[in-house]
Amino acid sequence: MSYVRVAALSELAEDTPKRVEIDGTPVSLVRTEGEVFAINDICSHANVSLSEGEVEDCSIECWLHGSSFDLRTGKPSGLPATRPVPVYPVKIEGDDVLVSVTQES
């Protein structure tokens, strides 16, 4: 797995998504409940940015139709979305947030 530095931990406000792009992949970074999560930034239902939505109870809500996705698994917890979105591994090294969007072979 190849990790890329995407932000400083100090740049991430609690429960406020931050959109970054890693090798052409849009990713929403979320700092909540003492952890940092990385989830694909595109809603599986409506093809809009999840980073524009609200964060609550370790999930992110799509602003357009209200589907919520678990930040740990990417699974939707409400309609209209029925397909999960990818989640990515995160490492914290000092103040650096590193994310891997590559899959192991």
C-alpha atoms as a PDB file:
ATOM      1  CA  MET A   1       0.000   0.000   0.000  1.00  0.00           C
ATOM      2  CA  SER A   2       1.267   3.416  -0.925  1.00  0.00           C
ATOM      3  CA  TYR A   3       0.367   6.268   1.441  1.00  0.00           C
ATOM      4  CA  VAL A   4       0.301   9.908   0.376  1.00  0.00           C
ATOM      5  CA  ARG A   5       0.357  12.949   2.679  1.00  0.00           C
ATOM      6  CA  VAL A   6      -2.913  14.784   2.088  1.00  0.00           C
ATOM      7  CA  ALA A   7      -3.210  17.283   4.941  1.00  0.00           C
ATOM      8  CA  ALA A   8      -1.976  18.367   8.326  1.00  0.00           C
ATOM      9  CA  LEU A   9      -4.021  17.017  11.217  1.00  0.00           C
ATOM     10  CA  SER A  10      -4.243  20.579  12.527  1.00  0.00           C
ATOM     11  CA  GLU A  11      -6.065  21.586   9.295  1.00  0.00           C
ATOM     12  CA  LEU A  12      -8.981  19.233   9.989  1.00  0.00           C
ATOM     13  CA  ALA A  13     -11.779  20.728  12.057  1.00  0.00           C
ATOM     14  CA  GLU A  14     -13.926  18.314  14.043  1.00  0.00           C
ATOM     15  CA  ASP A  15     -16.976  17.088  12.079  1.00  0.00           C
ATOM     16  CA  THR A  16     -16.123  19.264   9.062  1.00  0.00           C
ATOM     17  CA  PRO A  17     -15.297  17.321   5.867  1.00  0.00           C
ATOM     18  CA  LYS A  18     -12.327  18.426   3.774  1.00  0.00           C
ATOM     19  CA  ARG A  19     -12.137  17.434   0.098  1.00  0.00           C
ATOM     20  CA  VAL A  20      -8.765  16.374  -1.291  1.00  0.00           C
ATOM     21  CA  GLU A  21      -7.730  14.626  -4.484  1.00  0.00           C
ATOM     22  CA  ILE A  22      -5.278  11.723  -4.483  1.00  0.00           C
ATOM     23  CA  ASP A  23      -4.028  10.524  -7.870  1.00  0.00           C
ATOM     24  CA  GLY A  24      -7.292  11.646  -9.484  1.00  0.00           C
ATOM     25  CA  THR A  25      -9.501  10.126  -6.770  1.00  0.00           C
ATOM     26  CA  PRO A  26     -11.754  12.576  -4.888  1.00  0.00           C
ATOM     27  CA  VAL A  27     -11.601  11.875  -1.148  1.00  0.00           C
ATOM     28  CA  SER A  28     -13.409  13.395   1.801  1.00  0.00           C
ATOM     29  CA  LEU A  29     -11.339  13.566   4.990  1.00  0.00           C
ATOM     30  CA  VAL A  30     -13.322  13.654   8.210  1.00  0.00           C
ATOM     31  CA  ARG A  31     -12.027  14.131  11.737  1.00  0.00           C
ATOM     32  CA  THR A  32     -14.638  12.888  14.207  1.00  0.00           C
ATOM     33  CA  GLU A  33     -14.891  10.962  17.455  1.00  0.00           C
ATOM     34  CA  GLY A  34     -11.109  11.087  17.920  1.00  0.00           C
ATOM     35  CA  GLU A  35     -10.286   9.501  14.557  1.00  0.00           C
ATOM     36  CA  VAL A  36      -9.662  10.566  10.971  1.00  0.00           C
ATOM     37  CA  PHE A  37     -11.524   8.820   8.166  1.00  0.00           C
ATOM     38  CA  ALA A  38     -11.089   8.906   4.387  1.00  0.00           C
ATOM     39  CA  ILE A  39     -14.095   8.091   2.225  1.00  0.00           C
ATOM     40  CA  ASN A  40     -14.652   8.501  -1.500  1.00  0.00           C
ATOM     41  CA  ASP A  41     -16.107  11.957  -1.994  1.00  0.00           C
ATOM     42  CA  ILE A  42     -18.727  10.962  -4.577  1.00  0.00           C
ATOM     43  CA  CYS A  43     -22.182   9.789  -3.468  1.00  0.00           C
ATOM     44  CA  SER A  44     -23.035   6.400  -4.988  1.00  0.00           C
ATOM     45  CA  HIS A  45     -26.598   7.542  -5.645  1.00  0.00           C
ATOM     46  CA  ALA A  46     -26.358  11.020  -7.119  1.00  0.00           C
ATOM     47  CA  ASN A  47     -22.731  11.627  -8.163  1.00  0.00           C
ATOM     48  CA  VAL A  48     -22.329  14.710  -5.944  1.00  0.00           C
ATOM     49  CA  SER A  49     -19.643  15.662  -3.416  1.00  0.00           C
ATOM     50  CA  LEU A  50     -20.112  14.137   0.043  1.00  0.00           C
ATOM     51  CA  SER A  51     -17.695  16.663   1.559  1.00  0.00           C
ATOM     52  CA  GLU A  52     -20.446  19.283   1.229  1.00  0.00           C
ATOM     53  CA  GLY A  53     -22.648  17.272   3.602  1.00  0.00           C
ATOM     54  CA  GLU A  54     -23.041  17.081   7.383  1.00  0.00           C
ATOM     55  CA  VAL A  55     -21.171  14.722   9.729  1.00  0.00           C
ATOM     56  CA  GLU A  56     -22.920  13.100  12.679  1.00  0.00           C
ATOM     57  CA  ASP A  57     -22.540   9.832  14.618  1.00  0.00           C
ATOM     58  CA  CYS A  58     -19.571   8.643  12.504  1.00  0.00           C
ATOM     59  CA  SER A  59     -21.470   9.069   9.237  1.00  0.00           C
ATOM     60  CA  ILE A  60     -21.570  11.622   6.454  1.00  0.00           C
ATOM     61  CA  GLU A  61     -24.821  12.731   4.856  1.00  0.00           C
ATOM     62  CA  CYS A  62     -25.189  13.550   1.182  1.00  0.00           C
ATOM     63  CA  TRP A  63     -26.532  17.094   0.950  1.00  0.00           C
ATOM     64  CA  LEU A  64     -28.651  16.410  -2.142  1.00  0.00           C
ATOM     65  CA  HIS A  65     -30.991  13.564  -1.137  1.00  0.00           C
ATOM     66  CA  GLY A  66     -30.024  12.829   2.472  1.00  0.00           C
ATOM     67  CA  SER A  67     -28.405   9.400   2.199  1.00  0.00           C
ATOM     68  CA  SER A  68     -25.884   8.784   4.978  1.00  0.00           C
ATOM     69  CA  PHE A  69     -22.717   6.698   4.689  1.00  0.00           C
ATOM     70  CA  ASP A  70     -20.819   5.076   7.557  1.00  0.00           C
ATOM     71  CA  LEU A  71     -17.325   6.604   7.648  1.00  0.00           C
ATOM     72  CA  ARG A  72     -15.824   3.280   8.804  1.00  0.00           C
ATOM     73  CA  THR A  73     -17.357   1.019   6.140  1.00  0.00           C
ATOM     74  CA  GLY A  74     -18.807   3.251   3.414  1.00  0.00           C
ATOM     75  CA  LYS A  75     -22.156   1.451   3.696  1.00  0.00           C
ATOM     76  CA  PRO A  76     -25.287   3.549   3.227  1.00  0.00           C
ATOM     77  CA  SER A  77     -27.594   3.722   6.200  1.00  0.00           C
ATOM     78  CA  GLY A  78     -30.582   5.204   4.434  1.00  0.00           C
ATOM     79  CA  LEU A  79     -32.256   5.521   1.064  1.00  0.00           C
ATOM     80  CA  PRO A  80     -32.070   6.527  -1.678  1.00  0.00           C
ATOM     81  CA  ALA A  81     -28.464   5.230  -1.798  1.00  0.00           C
ATOM     82  CA  THR A  82     -28.158   1.444  -1.855  1.00  0.00           C
ATOM     83  CA  ARG A  83     -24.501   0.994  -2.851  1.00  0.00           C
ATOM     84  CA  PRO A  84     -21.543   1.677  -0.534  1.00  0.00           C
ATOM     85  CA  VAL A  85     -18.743   4.105  -1.358  1.00  0.00           C
ATOM     86  CA  PRO A  86     -15.078   3.131  -0.951  1.00  0.00           C
ATOM     87  CA  VAL A  87     -13.238   3.943   2.265  1.00  0.00           C
ATOM     88  CA  TYR A  88      -9.460   4.245   2.446  1.00  0.00           C
ATOM     89  CA  PRO A  89      -6.862   3.473   5.120  1.00  0.00           C
ATOM     90  CA  VAL A  90      -5.516   6.447   7.070  1.00  0.00           C
ATOM     91  CA  LYS A  91      -2.263   6.819   9.007  1.00  0.00           C
ATOM     92  CA  ILE A  92      -1.296   9.715  11.250  1.00  0.00           C
ATOM     93  CA  GLU A  93       2.408  10.485  11.549  1.00  0.00           C
ATOM     94  CA  GLY A  94       2.979  13.467  13.808  1.00  0.00           C
ATOM     95  CA  ASP A  95       0.787  16.200  12.297  1.00  0.00           C
ATOM     96  CA  ASP A  96       0.657  14.523   8.869  1.00  0.00           C
ATOM     97  CA  VAL A  97      -2.463  12.734   7.609  1.00  0.00           C
ATOM     98  CA  LEU A  98      -1.598  10.019   5.104  1.00  0.00           C
ATOM     99  CA  VAL A  99      -4.123   8.112   2.971  1.00  0.00           C
ATOM    100  CA  SER A 100      -3.774   5.194   0.579  1.00  0.00           C
ATOM    101  CA  VAL A 101      -6.167   4.862  -2.354  1.00  0.00           C
ATOM    102  CA  THR A 102      -4.227   1.992  -3.928  1.00  0.00           C
ATOM    103  CA  GLN A 103      -5.327  -1.608  -3.549  1.00  0.00           C
ATOM    104  CA  GLU A 104      -2.892  -4.370  -2.629  1.00  0.00           C
ATOM    105  CA  SER A 105      -2.408  -6.911  -5.390  1.00  0.00           C
END
